């Protein structure tokens, strides 16, 4: 298990940088991860996606399909990729503090 340090906070992550303990996630963790992966400052559109992903994961123990993210937020797929350049799984789910989603390569 790897560890990363961002602004004095240490996080245990897998080899791809996903949190190993999603329960430690909070909005400050999201801000730190977003700054570290090139997403940058989080806007309300970012937060709408992040909060939906967290809620869905807490209810189902899995990440939502990108189609559900688009339906719930009203954003197009191109918008999601513009907001999260690494994509919905490697970008949004990582910032939302989820473990690496199944099928994410």
Protein backbone atom coordinates (compact mmCIF):
# COMPACT_ATOMS: atom_id res chain seq x y z
CA UNK A 1 0.00 0.00 0.00
CA UNK A 2 1.35 3.39 -0.99
CA UNK A 3 1.18 6.66 0.87
CA UNK A 4 1.00 10.14 -0.56
CA UNK A 5 1.45 13.42 1.24
CA UNK A 6 -0.45 16.51 0.15
CA UNK A 7 -0.03 19.75 2.08
CA UNK A 8 1.07 17.93 5.21
CA UNK A 9 -1.69 15.29 5.17
CA UNK A 10 -0.78 11.67 4.53
CA UNK A 11 -3.18 9.35 2.70
CA UNK A 12 -2.97 5.61 2.16
CA UNK A 13 -3.74 4.93 -1.48
CA UNK A 14 -3.58 2.06 -3.93
CA UNK A 15 -1.10 2.01 -6.79
CA UNK A 16 -3.35 4.30 -8.83
CA UNK A 17 -3.83 6.89 -6.09
CA UNK A 18 -7.33 5.90 -4.92
CA UNK A 19 -8.01 6.22 -1.18
CA UNK A 20 -7.79 2.93 0.67
CA UNK A 21 -10.08 4.17 3.43
CA UNK A 22 -12.97 6.13 1.85
CA UNK A 23 -14.39 6.90 5.30
CA UNK A 24 -11.66 9.49 5.91
CA UNK A 25 -12.84 11.52 2.90
CA UNK A 26 -14.13 15.02 3.41
CA UNK A 27 -14.44 18.05 1.15
CA UNK A 28 -10.91 19.17 2.01
CA UNK A 29 -9.59 15.82 0.76
CA UNK A 30 -11.45 16.43 -2.51
CA UNK A 31 -9.88 19.89 -2.83
CA UNK A 32 -6.40 18.47 -2.21
CA UNK A 33 -6.81 15.59 -4.66
CA UNK A 34 -8.26 17.92 -7.33
CA UNK A 35 -5.32 20.29 -7.00
CA UNK A 36 -2.90 17.38 -7.21
CA UNK A 37 -4.30 15.75 -10.34
CA UNK A 38 -4.68 18.86 -12.49
CA UNK A 39 -8.46 19.23 -12.10
CA UNK A 40 -7.89 22.52 -10.33
CA UNK A 41 -10.40 24.56 -8.36
CA UNK A 42 -13.70 22.79 -7.81
CA UNK A 43 -16.82 24.58 -9.04
CA UNK A 44 -20.47 23.89 -8.22
CA UNK A 45 -20.64 21.60 -11.26
CA UNK A 46 -17.69 19.61 -9.92
CA UNK A 47 -19.37 19.40 -6.51
CA UNK A 48 -22.67 18.25 -8.02
CA UNK A 49 -20.88 15.31 -9.61
CA UNK A 50 -18.73 14.56 -6.56
CA UNK A 51 -21.69 14.62 -4.16
CA UNK A 52 -23.79 12.41 -6.44
CA UNK A 53 -20.95 9.90 -6.77
CA UNK A 54 -20.50 9.82 -2.97
CA UNK A 55 -24.23 9.40 -2.31
CA UNK A 56 -24.56 6.67 -4.92
CA UNK A 57 -21.52 4.83 -3.55
CA UNK A 58 -22.78 5.08 0.04
CA UNK A 59 -26.13 3.56 -1.02
CA UNK A 60 -24.84 0.85 -3.38
CA UNK A 61 -21.17 0.35 -2.50
CA UNK A 62 -20.27 0.96 -6.15
CA UNK A 63 -19.59 3.92 -8.41
CA UNK A 64 -22.39 5.09 -10.69
CA UNK A 65 -22.12 4.60 -14.44
CA UNK A 66 -21.28 7.80 -16.24
CA UNK A 67 -24.74 7.74 -17.86
CA UNK A 68 -26.32 8.03 -14.40
CA UNK A 69 -23.99 10.91 -13.52
CA UNK A 70 -25.11 12.76 -16.65
CA UNK A 71 -28.80 12.04 -16.00
CA UNK A 72 -28.62 13.14 -12.37
CA UNK A 73 -26.62 16.32 -12.96
CA UNK A 74 -28.01 17.30 -16.35
CA UNK A 75 -24.48 17.56 -17.72
CA UNK A 76 -23.34 16.05 -21.00
CA UNK A 77 -20.55 13.51 -21.18
CA UNK A 78 -18.28 16.10 -22.76
CA UNK A 79 -18.96 18.38 -19.78
CA UNK A 80 -17.94 15.63 -17.34
CA UNK A 81 -14.66 15.10 -19.19
CA UNK A 82 -14.05 18.85 -19.37
CA UNK A 83 -14.56 19.14 -15.61
CA UNK A 84 -12.53 16.00 -14.82
CA UNK A 85 -9.79 15.66 -17.45
CA UNK A 86 -8.83 12.21 -16.13
CA UNK A 87 -12.42 11.06 -16.69
CA UNK A 88 -15.29 10.06 -14.44
CA UNK A 89 -13.54 7.04 -12.92
CA UNK A 90 -9.89 8.04 -12.63
CA UNK A 91 -10.75 11.67 -11.97
CA UNK A 92 -14.16 12.20 -10.39
CA UNK A 93 -14.29 8.96 -8.39
CA UNK A 94 -10.77 9.47 -7.09
CA UNK A 95 -11.56 13.03 -6.00
CA UNK A 96 -14.81 11.78 -4.43
CA UNK A 97 -12.72 9.43 -2.29
CA UNK A 98 -14.06 6.16 -3.67
CA UNK A 99 -11.97 3.03 -4.02
CA UNK A 100 -10.92 2.29 -7.58
CA UNK A 101 -14.11 1.38 -9.49
CA UNK A 102 -14.42 -2.08 -11.04
CA UNK A 103 -13.48 -1.99 -14.68
CA UNK A 104 -11.31 1.10 -14.24
CA UNK A 105 -7.99 0.49 -15.94
